[in-house]
Amino acid sequence: MTYLITNFKKKSLMFSLFLGLFALLRLGMQASHIIGGELTYRCLGNGQFEITLDVFRDCFYGEADFDNPANIGIFNEDGLAQTLNLAPMSIDTLPNDLGDPCITVPDDICVDWARYRTTVQLEPSATGHLIVYQRCCRNSTISNIVDPSQTGTTFSAEITPNGYASCNSSPTFVTD
């Protein structure tokens, strides 16, 4: 009987250690990497729109790859109208040299950038279209978000009925 109790205690201890180790490893596997991004559209005419998603991730502290595929939803007044499943068309690491001798980038700053792009055909809608991409989780070094490793991000762009009628495109950042 004593052997059974001792053996049970050993197995319970081993199981507890295993669970504790698993919990610690699980904490390290969270996808804490998204720094930011943008979702834009460009009107090509005749109801065709080029959709571009740029996602930026921390390649120094980040632990997860970019989505492949990235799932983008297009919504209208009836709900989900289309789902886009896009593979990245390019993945690159941004240079740390900002071209300004007065700015020194710390050694632990590294940003990867993925671009996804496709062309879609959209029918006119009384309320327009909302293009949406969501992803968990944010970079764990963010200090102004409570628990960023458990907080996702959403990128969206809206094609209004007037934007559709006038073949308008979303604003984009222009770099020199």
N, C-alpha and C. Protein backbone atom coordinates (compact mmCIF):
# COMPACT_ATOMS: atom_id res chain seq x y z
N MET A 1 0.82 -1.19 0.00
CA MET A 1 0.00 0.00 0.00
C MET A 1 0.87 1.25 0.00
N THR A 2 1.93 1.24 0.82
CA THR A 2 2.84 2.39 0.87
C THR A 2 3.48 2.60 -0.50
N TYR A 3 3.81 1.50 -1.19
CA TYR A 3 4.41 1.60 -2.52
C TYR A 3 3.45 2.31 -3.47
N LEU A 4 2.15 1.97 -3.40
CA LEU A 4 1.16 2.59 -4.28
C LEU A 4 1.04 4.09 -4.02
N ILE A 5 1.03 4.48 -2.75
CA ILE A 5 0.92 5.90 -2.41
C ILE A 5 2.16 6.65 -2.87
N THR A 6 3.35 6.09 -2.62
CA THR A 6 4.60 6.73 -3.05
C THR A 6 4.65 6.83 -4.57
N ASN A 7 4.27 5.77 -5.26
CA ASN A 7 4.28 5.76 -6.71
C ASN A 7 3.27 6.78 -7.25
N PHE A 8 2.09 6.88 -6.62
CA PHE A 8 1.08 7.85 -7.02
C PHE A 8 1.61 9.27 -6.83
N LYS A 9 2.30 9.54 -5.71
CA LYS A 9 2.86 10.86 -5.45
C LYS A 9 3.90 11.22 -6.51
N LYS A 10 4.74 10.25 -6.88
CA LYS A 10 5.76 10.50 -7.91
C LYS A 10 5.10 10.83 -9.24
N LYS A 11 4.07 10.04 -9.58
CA LYS A 11 3.39 10.29 -10.86
C LYS A 11 2.67 11.63 -10.84
N SER A 12 2.06 11.98 -9.69
CA SER A 12 1.38 13.27 -9.56
C SER A 12 2.38 14.41 -9.69
N LEU A 13 3.54 14.26 -9.07
CA LEU A 13 4.58 15.28 -9.16
C LEU A 13 5.07 15.42 -10.59
N MET A 14 5.32 14.31 -11.27
CA MET A 14 5.78 14.35 -12.66
C MET A 14 4.72 14.99 -13.56
N PHE A 15 3.46 14.63 -13.33
CA PHE A 15 2.38 15.21 -14.13
C PHE A 15 2.28 16.71 -13.88
N SER A 16 2.40 17.14 -12.64
CA SER A 16 2.35 18.57 -12.31
C SER A 16 3.50 19.32 -12.95
N LEU A 17 4.69 18.74 -12.91
CA LEU A 17 5.85 19.37 -13.56
C LEU A 17 5.64 19.47 -15.06
N PHE A 18 5.08 18.40 -15.65
CA PHE A 18 4.82 18.40 -17.08
C PHE A 18 3.83 19.51 -17.44
N LEU A 19 2.73 19.64 -16.66
CA LEU A 19 1.75 20.69 -16.92
C LEU A 19 2.36 22.07 -16.78
N GLY A 20 3.18 22.26 -15.75
CA GLY A 20 3.84 23.54 -15.55
C GLY A 20 4.77 23.89 -16.70
N LEU A 21 5.55 22.91 -17.15
CA LEU A 21 6.45 23.12 -18.27
C LEU A 21 5.67 23.43 -19.55
N PHE A 22 4.58 22.69 -19.77
CA PHE A 22 3.74 22.93 -20.94
C PHE A 22 3.16 24.35 -20.90
N ALA A 23 2.72 24.80 -19.72
CA ALA A 23 2.16 26.14 -19.59
C ALA A 23 3.22 27.20 -19.91
N LEU A 24 4.43 27.00 -19.43
CA LEU A 24 5.51 27.96 -19.73
C LEU A 24 5.83 27.98 -21.21
N LEU A 25 5.90 26.81 -21.83
CA LEU A 25 6.17 26.76 -23.26
C LEU A 25 5.05 27.40 -24.05
N ARG A 26 3.83 27.20 -23.63
CA ARG A 26 2.67 27.77 -24.31
C ARG A 26 2.72 29.29 -24.28
N LEU A 27 3.15 29.87 -23.16
CA LEU A 27 3.28 31.33 -23.09
C LEU A 27 4.27 31.84 -24.11
N GLY A 28 5.34 31.12 -24.35
CA GLY A 28 6.35 31.54 -25.31
C GLY A 28 5.94 31.37 -26.75
N MET A 29 4.82 30.62 -27.01
CA MET A 29 4.41 30.35 -28.38
C MET A 29 3.35 31.32 -28.88
N GLN A 30 2.97 32.31 -28.11
CA GLN A 30 1.95 33.24 -28.54
C GLN A 30 2.47 34.08 -29.70
N ALA A 31 1.56 34.46 -30.58
CA ALA A 31 1.94 35.19 -31.78
C ALA A 31 2.04 36.68 -31.51
N SER A 32 2.95 37.07 -30.68
CA SER A 32 3.10 38.48 -30.31
C SER A 32 4.05 39.16 -31.29
N HIS A 33 3.51 39.59 -32.42
CA HIS A 33 4.43 40.10 -33.42
C HIS A 33 3.92 41.24 -34.29
N ILE A 34 2.63 41.46 -34.37
CA ILE A 34 2.11 42.48 -35.29
C ILE A 34 2.46 43.88 -34.79
N ILE A 35 3.11 44.65 -35.63
CA ILE A 35 3.45 46.04 -35.30
C ILE A 35 2.39 46.98 -35.89
N GLY A 36 1.97 46.70 -37.11
CA GLY A 36 0.99 47.56 -37.76
C GLY A 36 0.73 47.09 -39.17
N GLY A 37 0.02 47.92 -39.91
CA GLY A 37 -0.29 47.58 -41.29
C GLY A 37 -1.27 48.56 -41.88
N GLU A 38 -1.64 48.32 -43.13
CA GLU A 38 -2.64 49.13 -43.79
C GLU A 38 -3.33 48.30 -44.87
N LEU A 39 -4.58 48.60 -45.06
CA LEU A 39 -5.40 47.94 -46.07
C LEU A 39 -5.95 49.04 -46.98
N THR A 40 -5.66 48.93 -48.28
CA THR A 40 -6.07 49.98 -49.22
C THR A 40 -6.74 49.35 -50.44
N TYR A 41 -7.42 50.18 -51.20
CA TYR A 41 -8.02 49.73 -52.45
C TYR A 41 -7.78 50.79 -53.52
N ARG A 42 -7.73 50.32 -54.75
CA ARG A 42 -7.57 51.22 -55.89
C ARG A 42 -8.62 50.84 -56.92
N CYS A 43 -9.43 51.82 -57.32
CA CYS A 43 -10.47 51.57 -58.31
C CYS A 43 -9.83 51.44 -59.69
N LEU A 44 -10.15 50.35 -60.38
CA LEU A 44 -9.62 50.11 -61.71
C LEU A 44 -10.67 50.38 -62.79
N GLY A 45 -11.92 50.65 -62.36
CA GLY A 45 -13.01 50.90 -63.30
C GLY A 45 -13.87 49.67 -63.51
N ASN A 46 -15.09 49.91 -63.96
CA ASN A 46 -16.04 48.83 -64.25
C ASN A 46 -16.25 47.89 -63.07
N GLY A 47 -16.25 48.41 -61.85
CA GLY A 47 -16.50 47.60 -60.67
C GLY A 47 -15.31 46.77 -60.20
N GLN A 48 -14.15 46.97 -60.82
CA GLN A 48 -12.95 46.22 -60.39
C GLN A 48 -12.14 47.07 -59.43
N PHE A 49 -11.65 46.41 -58.37
CA PHE A 49 -10.84 47.08 -57.35
C PHE A 49 -9.62 46.22 -57.04
N GLU A 50 -8.48 46.88 -56.96
CA GLU A 50 -7.25 46.21 -56.52
C GLU A 50 -7.15 46.41 -55.01
N ILE A 51 -7.09 45.31 -54.27
CA ILE A 51 -7.00 45.33 -52.81
C ILE A 51 -5.56 45.03 -52.42
N THR A 52 -4.98 45.88 -51.56
CA THR A 52 -3.60 45.68 -51.10
C THR A 52 -3.59 45.69 -49.57
N LEU A 53 -2.97 44.67 -48.99
CA LEU A 53 -2.78 44.58 -47.55
C LEU A 53 -1.28 44.55 -47.28
N ASP A 54 -0.81 45.49 -46.47
CA ASP A 54 0.58 45.50 -46.00
C ASP A 54 0.55 45.22 -44.50
N VAL A 55 1.33 44.24 -44.05
CA VAL A 55 1.40 43.89 -42.63
C VAL A 55 2.86 43.98 -42.20
N PHE A 56 3.08 44.62 -41.04
CA PHE A 56 4.43 44.78 -40.50
C PHE A 56 4.52 44.00 -39.20
N ARG A 57 5.60 43.24 -39.05
CA ARG A 57 5.79 42.45 -37.84
C ARG A 57 7.18 42.67 -37.27
N ASP A 58 7.30 42.43 -35.99
CA ASP A 58 8.57 42.54 -35.28
C ASP A 58 9.38 41.27 -35.56
N CYS A 59 10.51 41.40 -36.26
CA CYS A 59 11.31 40.22 -36.56
C CYS A 59 12.40 39.98 -35.52
N PHE A 60 12.48 40.86 -34.51
CA PHE A 60 13.44 40.63 -33.43
C PHE A 60 12.76 39.89 -32.28
N TYR A 61 11.60 40.39 -31.84
CA TYR A 61 10.87 39.76 -30.74
C TYR A 61 9.71 38.90 -31.23
N GLY A 62 9.33 39.01 -32.49
CA GLY A 62 8.18 38.28 -33.02
C GLY A 62 8.42 36.79 -33.08
N GLU A 63 7.34 36.05 -32.96
CA GLU A 63 7.47 34.59 -32.89
C GLU A 63 6.66 33.85 -33.94
N ALA A 64 5.83 34.54 -34.71
CA ALA A 64 4.96 33.86 -35.67
C ALA A 64 5.23 34.38 -37.08
N ASP A 65 4.95 33.52 -38.04
CA ASP A 65 5.08 33.90 -39.44
C ASP A 65 3.89 34.75 -39.87
N PHE A 66 4.01 35.32 -41.05
CA PHE A 66 2.88 36.01 -41.65
C PHE A 66 1.82 34.99 -42.04
N ASP A 67 0.57 35.45 -42.10
CA ASP A 67 -0.51 34.56 -42.52
C ASP A 67 -0.29 34.11 -43.96
N ASN A 68 -0.51 32.83 -44.19
CA ASN A 68 -0.46 32.28 -45.54
C ASN A 68 -1.46 31.14 -45.61
N PRO A 69 -2.70 31.45 -45.95
CA PRO A 69 -3.18 32.69 -46.56
C PRO A 69 -3.64 33.70 -45.52
N ALA A 70 -3.68 34.97 -45.95
CA ALA A 70 -4.33 36.03 -45.17
C ALA A 70 -5.80 36.03 -45.60
N ASN A 71 -6.69 35.97 -44.63
CA ASN A 71 -8.13 35.94 -44.92
C ASN A 71 -8.71 37.34 -44.78
N ILE A 72 -9.21 37.87 -45.88
CA ILE A 72 -9.78 39.21 -45.92
C ILE A 72 -11.26 39.07 -46.25
N GLY A 73 -12.10 39.72 -45.45
CA GLY A 73 -13.54 39.68 -45.70
C GLY A 73 -14.01 40.98 -46.34
N ILE A 74 -14.96 40.86 -47.27
CA ILE A 74 -15.59 42.02 -47.89
C ILE A 74 -17.07 41.94 -47.53
N PHE A 75 -17.55 42.98 -46.83
CA PHE A 75 -18.92 43.00 -46.33
C PHE A 75 -19.74 44.06 -47.05
N ASN A 76 -21.04 43.78 -47.22
CA ASN A 76 -21.99 44.77 -47.71
C ASN A 76 -23.19 44.78 -46.77
N GLU A 77 -24.30 45.40 -47.19
CA GLU A 77 -25.45 45.51 -46.29
C GLU A 77 -26.04 44.16 -45.90
N ASP A 78 -25.76 43.12 -46.65
CA ASP A 78 -26.28 41.78 -46.35
C ASP A 78 -25.34 40.96 -45.48
N GLY A 79 -24.17 41.48 -45.17
CA GLY A 79 -23.18 40.73 -44.39
C GLY A 79 -21.96 40.40 -45.23
N LEU A 80 -21.37 39.24 -44.98
CA LEU A 80 -20.16 38.83 -45.70
C LEU A 80 -20.49 38.54 -47.16
N ALA A 81 -19.90 39.30 -48.07
CA ALA A 81 -20.15 39.15 -49.50
C ALA A 81 -19.08 38.29 -50.17
N GLN A 82 -17.81 38.44 -49.73
CA GLN A 82 -16.71 37.67 -50.32
C GLN A 82 -15.65 37.42 -49.26
N THR A 83 -14.95 36.32 -49.41
CA THR A 83 -13.77 36.04 -48.59
C THR A 83 -12.59 35.88 -49.54
N LEU A 84 -11.52 36.61 -49.26
CA LEU A 84 -10.30 36.50 -50.06
C LEU A 84 -9.26 35.74 -49.24
N ASN A 85 -8.64 34.75 -49.81
CA ASN A 85 -7.57 33.98 -49.16
C ASN A 85 -6.29 34.22 -49.96
N LEU A 86 -5.46 35.13 -49.45
CA LEU A 86 -4.30 35.59 -50.23
C LEU A 86 -2.99 35.09 -49.66
N ALA A 87 -2.14 34.61 -50.54
CA ALA A 87 -0.75 34.30 -50.18
C ALA A 87 0.05 35.60 -50.30
N PRO A 88 1.10 35.75 -49.49
CA PRO A 88 1.90 36.97 -49.62
C PRO A 88 2.58 37.00 -50.99
N MET A 89 2.55 38.18 -51.62
CA MET A 89 3.24 38.32 -52.91
C MET A 89 4.70 38.69 -52.70
N SER A 90 5.01 39.25 -51.52
CA SER A 90 6.40 39.56 -51.18
C SER A 90 6.53 39.66 -49.66
N ILE A 91 7.70 39.27 -49.18
CA ILE A 91 8.07 39.44 -47.77
C ILE A 91 9.49 39.98 -47.76
N ASP A 92 9.70 41.03 -46.99
CA ASP A 92 11.02 41.66 -46.97
C ASP A 92 11.29 42.22 -45.58
N THR A 93 12.54 42.47 -45.28
CA THR A 93 12.93 43.14 -44.05
C THR A 93 13.26 44.58 -44.37
N LEU A 94 12.65 45.51 -43.64
CA LEU A 94 12.89 46.93 -43.90
C LEU A 94 14.28 47.32 -43.41
N PRO A 95 14.95 48.22 -44.13
CA PRO A 95 16.29 48.65 -43.70
C PRO A 95 16.21 49.49 -42.42
N ASN A 96 17.22 49.35 -41.58
CA ASN A 96 17.29 50.14 -40.34
C ASN A 96 17.92 51.51 -40.56
N ASP A 97 18.52 51.75 -41.71
CA ASP A 97 19.15 53.03 -42.00
C ASP A 97 18.08 54.02 -42.45
N LEU A 98 17.80 55.02 -41.62
CA LEU A 98 16.77 56.00 -41.94
C LEU A 98 17.32 57.17 -42.74
N GLY A 99 18.60 57.16 -43.04
CA GLY A 99 19.19 58.22 -43.85
C GLY A 99 19.42 59.51 -43.09
N ASP A 100 19.33 59.47 -41.78
CA ASP A 100 19.52 60.68 -40.96
C ASP A 100 20.61 60.36 -39.94
N PRO A 101 21.76 61.05 -40.01
CA PRO A 101 22.85 60.74 -39.08
C PRO A 101 22.51 61.06 -37.62
N CYS A 102 21.46 61.82 -37.39
CA CYS A 102 21.06 62.17 -36.01
C CYS A 102 20.19 61.10 -35.37
N ILE A 103 19.73 60.14 -36.15
CA ILE A 103 18.87 59.09 -35.61
C ILE A 103 19.64 57.77 -35.60
N THR A 104 19.74 57.20 -34.41
CA THR A 104 20.38 55.89 -34.27
C THR A 104 19.31 54.88 -33.91
N VAL A 105 19.14 53.87 -34.76
CA VAL A 105 18.14 52.84 -34.51
C VAL A 105 18.74 51.81 -33.56
N PRO A 106 18.05 51.48 -32.47
CA PRO A 106 18.56 50.47 -31.53
C PRO A 106 18.76 49.12 -32.20
N ASP A 107 19.67 48.33 -31.66
CA ASP A 107 20.01 47.03 -32.24
C ASP A 107 18.84 46.04 -32.24
N ASP A 108 17.91 46.19 -31.30
CA ASP A 108 16.82 45.22 -31.22
C ASP A 108 15.58 45.64 -32.02
N ILE A 109 15.73 46.55 -32.98
CA ILE A 109 14.63 46.96 -33.85
C ILE A 109 14.80 46.26 -35.19
N CYS A 110 13.80 45.47 -35.55
CA CYS A 110 13.81 44.76 -36.83
C CYS A 110 12.36 44.63 -37.28
N VAL A 111 12.07 45.04 -38.52
CA VAL A 111 10.70 45.02 -39.03
C VAL A 111 10.65 44.25 -40.34
N ASP A 112 9.80 43.21 -40.36
CA ASP A 112 9.49 42.49 -41.59
C ASP A 112 8.20 43.04 -42.15
N TRP A 113 8.07 42.99 -43.47
CA TRP A 113 6.91 43.54 -44.15
C TRP A 113 6.43 42.52 -45.17
N ALA A 114 5.13 42.22 -45.12
CA ALA A 114 4.51 41.33 -46.12
C ALA A 114 3.46 42.11 -46.89
N ARG A 115 3.40 41.87 -48.17
CA ARG A 115 2.39 42.51 -49.02
C ARG A 115 1.53 41.43 -49.68
N TYR A 116 0.22 41.67 -49.61
CA TYR A 116 -0.76 40.80 -50.24
C TYR A 116 -1.55 41.69 -51.21
N ARG A 117 -1.89 41.14 -52.38
CA ARG A 117 -2.63 41.96 -53.35
C ARG A 117 -3.47 41.05 -54.25
N THR A 118 -4.65 41.55 -54.58
CA THR A 118 -5.52 40.86 -55.53
C THR A 118 -6.47 41.87 -56.16
N THR A 119 -7.16 41.44 -57.20
CA THR A 119 -8.18 42.26 -57.86
C THR A 119 -9.52 41.56 -57.68
N VAL A 120 -10.54 42.35 -57.32
CA VAL A 120 -11.88 41.79 -57.12
C VAL A 120 -12.90 42.57 -57.95
N GLN A 121 -13.99 41.91 -58.25
CA GLN A 121 -15.12 42.53 -58.93
C GLN A 121 -16.21 42.75 -57.88
N LEU A 122 -16.66 43.99 -57.73
CA LEU A 122 -17.70 44.32 -56.76
C LEU A 122 -18.89 44.94 -57.45
N GLU A 123 -20.07 44.50 -57.07
CA GLU A 123 -21.31 45.08 -57.57
C GLU A 123 -21.64 46.31 -56.74
N PRO A 124 -22.32 47.30 -57.33
CA PRO A 124 -22.72 48.47 -56.54
C PRO A 124 -23.55 48.03 -55.33
N SER A 125 -23.40 48.76 -54.23
CA SER A 125 -24.11 48.46 -52.99
C SER A 125 -24.68 49.75 -52.43
N ALA A 126 -25.90 49.68 -51.91
CA ALA A 126 -26.54 50.88 -51.35
C ALA A 126 -25.78 51.43 -50.16
N THR A 127 -25.10 50.57 -49.43
CA THR A 127 -24.36 51.02 -48.24
C THR A 127 -22.84 50.95 -48.43
N GLY A 128 -22.39 50.53 -49.59
CA GLY A 128 -20.95 50.41 -49.84
C GLY A 128 -20.41 49.07 -49.40
N HIS A 129 -19.10 48.98 -49.37
CA HIS A 129 -18.41 47.75 -48.98
C HIS A 129 -17.38 48.06 -47.90
N LEU A 130 -17.24 47.15 -46.98
CA LEU A 130 -16.22 47.25 -45.93
C LEU A 130 -15.27 46.08 -46.12
N ILE A 131 -13.99 46.38 -46.31
CA ILE A 131 -12.95 45.37 -46.50
C ILE A 131 -12.21 45.25 -45.18
N VAL A 132 -12.06 44.02 -44.64
CA VAL A 132 -11.55 43.85 -43.28
C VAL A 132 -10.55 42.70 -43.21
N TYR A 133 -9.45 42.95 -42.47
CA TYR A 133 -8.48 41.91 -42.12
C TYR A 133 -8.25 42.00 -40.61
N GLN A 134 -8.32 40.86 -39.93
CA GLN A 134 -8.07 40.80 -38.48
C GLN A 134 -7.01 39.77 -38.19
N ARG A 135 -6.23 40.06 -37.13
CA ARG A 135 -5.16 39.13 -36.75
C ARG A 135 -4.81 39.33 -35.28
N CYS A 136 -4.54 38.24 -34.61
CA CYS A 136 -3.99 38.27 -33.27
C CYS A 136 -2.50 38.01 -33.42
N CYS A 137 -1.66 38.49 -32.80
CA CYS A 137 -1.65 39.36 -31.66
C CYS A 137 -0.62 40.46 -31.89
N ARG A 138 -0.59 41.39 -31.00
CA ARG A 138 0.30 42.54 -31.15
C ARG A 138 1.67 42.24 -30.58
N ASN A 139 2.60 43.13 -30.87
CA ASN A 139 3.96 43.04 -30.37
C ASN A 139 3.96 43.17 -28.85
N SER A 140 4.62 42.25 -28.16
CA SER A 140 4.60 42.24 -26.69
C SER A 140 5.35 43.40 -26.06
N THR A 141 6.11 44.18 -26.85
CA THR A 141 6.84 45.31 -26.29
C THR A 141 6.02 46.60 -26.30
N ILE A 142 4.79 46.56 -26.83
CA ILE A 142 3.93 47.75 -26.83
C ILE A 142 3.58 48.09 -25.39
N SER A 143 3.75 49.35 -25.01
CA SER A 143 3.52 49.74 -23.62
C SER A 143 2.20 50.46 -23.39
N ASN A 144 1.49 50.86 -24.44
CA ASN A 144 0.24 51.59 -24.24
C ASN A 144 -1.01 50.75 -24.51
N ILE A 145 -0.87 49.43 -24.58
CA ILE A 145 -1.99 48.50 -24.72
C ILE A 145 -1.88 47.49 -23.58
N VAL A 146 -2.99 47.27 -22.87
CA VAL A 146 -3.01 46.27 -21.81
C VAL A 146 -2.95 44.89 -22.46
N ASP A 147 -1.97 44.10 -22.06
CA ASP A 147 -1.78 42.72 -22.54
C ASP A 147 -1.74 42.63 -24.07
N PRO A 148 -0.77 43.29 -24.72
CA PRO A 148 -0.73 43.30 -26.18
C PRO A 148 -0.58 41.91 -26.80
N SER A 149 0.02 40.97 -26.07
CA SER A 149 0.20 39.63 -26.65
C SER A 149 -1.13 38.88 -26.75
N GLN A 150 -2.18 39.42 -26.14
CA GLN A 150 -3.51 38.84 -26.23
C GLN A 150 -4.49 39.77 -26.94
N THR A 151 -3.98 40.84 -27.55
CA THR A 151 -4.82 41.84 -28.20
C THR A 151 -4.56 41.81 -29.70
N GLY A 152 -5.62 41.66 -30.46
CA GLY A 152 -5.49 41.61 -31.90
C GLY A 152 -5.51 42.98 -32.53
N THR A 153 -5.53 42.98 -33.86
CA THR A 153 -5.58 44.22 -34.61
C THR A 153 -6.53 44.02 -35.79
N THR A 154 -7.15 45.10 -36.23
CA THR A 154 -8.05 45.07 -37.38
C THR A 154 -7.65 46.18 -38.33
N PHE A 155 -7.50 45.83 -39.60
CA PHE A 155 -7.26 46.82 -40.64
C PHE A 155 -8.49 46.81 -41.55
N SER A 156 -8.99 48.00 -41.89
CA SER A 156 -10.20 48.05 -42.72
C SER A 156 -10.14 49.23 -43.67
N ALA A 157 -10.90 49.11 -44.74
CA ALA A 157 -11.08 50.18 -45.71
C ALA A 157 -12.53 50.14 -46.18
N GLU A 158 -13.12 51.31 -46.37
CA GLU A 158 -14.52 51.38 -46.78
C GLU A 158 -14.64 51.98 -48.17
N ILE A 159 -15.36 51.27 -49.03
CA ILE A 159 -15.70 51.80 -50.35
C ILE A 159 -17.13 52.29 -50.25
N THR A 160 -17.31 53.60 -50.22
CA THR A 160 -18.66 54.17 -50.09
C THR A 160 -19.39 54.08 -51.44
N PRO A 161 -20.71 54.22 -51.43
CA PRO A 161 -21.44 54.24 -52.71
C PRO A 161 -20.95 55.35 -53.65
N ASN A 162 -20.63 56.54 -53.08
CA ASN A 162 -20.09 57.63 -53.91
C ASN A 162 -18.71 57.28 -54.43
N GLY A 163 -17.89 56.63 -53.61
CA GLY A 163 -16.57 56.20 -54.04
C GLY A 163 -16.64 55.20 -55.17
N TYR A 164 -17.64 54.32 -55.09
CA TYR A 164 -17.85 53.34 -56.17
C TYR A 164 -18.27 54.05 -57.45
N ALA A 165 -19.25 54.96 -57.33
CA ALA A 165 -19.79 55.65 -58.51
C ALA A 165 -18.74 56.53 -59.19
N SER A 166 -17.86 57.16 -58.40
CA SER A 166 -16.86 58.06 -58.98
C SER A 166 -15.52 57.36 -59.22
N CYS A 167 -15.47 56.07 -58.97
CA CYS A 167 -14.23 55.28 -59.11
C CYS A 167 -13.09 55.89 -58.29
N ASN A 168 -13.41 56.13 -57.02
CA ASN A 168 -12.44 56.71 -56.09
C ASN A 168 -11.58 55.60 -55.49
N SER A 169 -10.37 55.94 -55.08
CA SER A 169 -9.46 55.00 -54.43
C SER A 169 -9.20 55.47 -53.01
N SER A 170 -8.77 54.56 -52.14
CA SER A 170 -8.46 54.95 -50.76
C SER A 170 -7.17 55.74 -50.73
N PRO A 171 -6.99 56.57 -49.70
CA PRO A 171 -5.71 57.31 -49.58
C PRO A 171 -4.58 56.34 -49.26
N THR A 172 -3.42 56.67 -49.72
CA THR A 172 -2.23 55.87 -49.42
C THR A 172 -1.09 56.80 -49.03
N PHE A 173 -0.14 56.25 -48.28
CA PHE A 173 1.06 57.00 -47.93
C PHE A 173 2.01 56.96 -49.10
N VAL A 174 2.58 58.11 -49.43
CA VAL A 174 3.53 58.21 -50.52
C VAL A 174 4.92 58.39 -49.91
N THR A 175 5.87 57.57 -50.37
CA THR A 175 7.25 57.70 -49.89
C THR A 175 8.11 58.23 -51.02
N ASP A 176 9.15 58.96 -50.65
CA ASP A 176 10.07 59.51 -51.65
C ASP A 176 11.06 58.47 -52.10
